[in-house]
Amino acid sequence: MRTFTYVMCYIAFLIFSNAILFKIMHWPGASVMLVFGYLTSVIAGALLLKHKLNENKEEEVVNIPKNKSDNILDT
């Protein structure tokens, strides 16, 4: 699922960059591509946010109190 999210982000980037090129060149279909690129980026952003929040929950580390002698810099 993580790979799918990154592929969606890449596809959204490609659609946006092509839409900008189409707008500059005044070719037809630019507005449709902009809307489709926006929707793709919103979906990809939501998936990316979901994955990042899940990573933070999984990587949550409990702080273990250390003795002063454990730290080299406390001299």
Protein backbone atom coordinates (compact mmCIF):
# COMPACT_ATOMS: atom_id res chain seq x y z
CA MET A 1 0.00 0.00 0.00
CA ARG A 2 2.92 2.32 0.69
CA THR A 3 4.25 1.80 -2.84
CA PHE A 4 0.79 2.54 -4.23
CA THR A 5 0.75 5.84 -2.34
CA TYR A 6 4.10 6.92 -3.75
CA VAL A 7 3.02 5.90 -7.26
CA MET A 8 -0.15 8.00 -6.84
CA CYS A 9 1.97 11.01 -5.81
CA TYR A 10 4.18 10.53 -8.86
CA ILE A 11 1.15 10.24 -11.16
CA ALA A 12 -0.35 13.41 -9.67
CA PHE A 13 2.92 15.25 -10.31
CA LEU A 14 3.00 14.07 -13.92
CA ILE A 15 -0.60 15.08 -14.53
CA PHE A 16 -0.01 18.54 -13.04
CA SER A 17 3.17 19.13 -15.02
CA ASN A 18 1.46 18.07 -18.25
CA ALA A 19 -1.54 20.24 -17.45
CA ILE A 20 0.71 23.26 -16.96
CA LEU A 21 2.39 22.54 -20.29
CA PHE A 22 -1.01 22.23 -21.96
CA LYS A 23 -2.12 25.55 -20.41
CA ILE A 24 1.01 27.34 -21.61
CA MET A 25 0.64 25.94 -25.13
CA HIS A 26 -3.16 26.61 -25.16
CA TRP A 27 -3.90 23.00 -26.09
CA PRO A 28 -7.32 21.49 -25.40
CA GLY A 29 -7.77 19.33 -22.34
CA ALA A 30 -5.70 21.40 -19.95
CA SER A 31 -8.60 22.23 -17.62
CA VAL A 32 -9.67 18.60 -17.39
CA MET A 33 -6.10 17.57 -16.61
CA LEU A 34 -5.82 20.22 -13.91
CA VAL A 35 -9.00 19.00 -12.22
CA PHE A 36 -7.96 15.35 -12.52
CA GLY A 37 -4.48 16.18 -11.21
CA TYR A 38 -5.95 18.05 -8.27
CA LEU A 39 -8.24 15.15 -7.36
CA THR A 40 -5.39 12.67 -7.71
CA SER A 41 -3.15 14.77 -5.49
CA VAL A 42 -5.85 15.09 -2.82
CA ILE A 43 -6.31 11.31 -2.75
CA ALA A 44 -2.55 10.70 -2.74
CA GLY A 45 -2.06 13.31 0.00
CA ALA A 46 -4.72 11.67 2.18
CA LEU A 47 -3.11 8.26 1.71
CA LEU A 48 0.34 9.68 2.45
CA LEU A 49 -0.93 11.38 5.61
CA LYS A 50 -2.54 8.11 6.72
CA HIS A 51 0.71 6.20 6.23
CA LYS A 52 2.83 8.81 8.00
CA LEU A 53 0.47 8.86 10.99
CA ASN A 54 0.55 5.06 11.17
CA GLU A 55 4.37 5.10 11.03
CA ASN A 56 4.50 7.55 13.95
CA LYS A 57 2.25 5.31 16.04
CA GLU A 58 4.34 2.23 15.27
CA GLU A 59 7.67 3.94 15.91
CA GLU A 60 6.63 5.51 19.19
CA VAL A 61 9.48 4.83 21.59
CA VAL A 62 9.17 4.80 25.34
CA ASN A 63 11.79 7.02 26.95
CA ILE A 64 13.93 4.95 29.28
CA PRO A 65 15.53 6.97 32.06
CA LYS A 66 19.31 6.72 31.95
CA ASN A 67 21.88 7.08 34.67
CA LYS A 68 24.23 10.02 34.45
CA SER A 69 27.12 7.63 34.04
CA ASP A 70 25.57 6.24 30.84
CA ASN A 71 26.07 9.48 28.97
CA ILE A 72 29.61 10.31 27.81
CA LEU A 73 28.87 14.01 27.47
CA ASP A 74 27.91 14.43 31.14
CA THR A 75 31.42 15.01 32.45
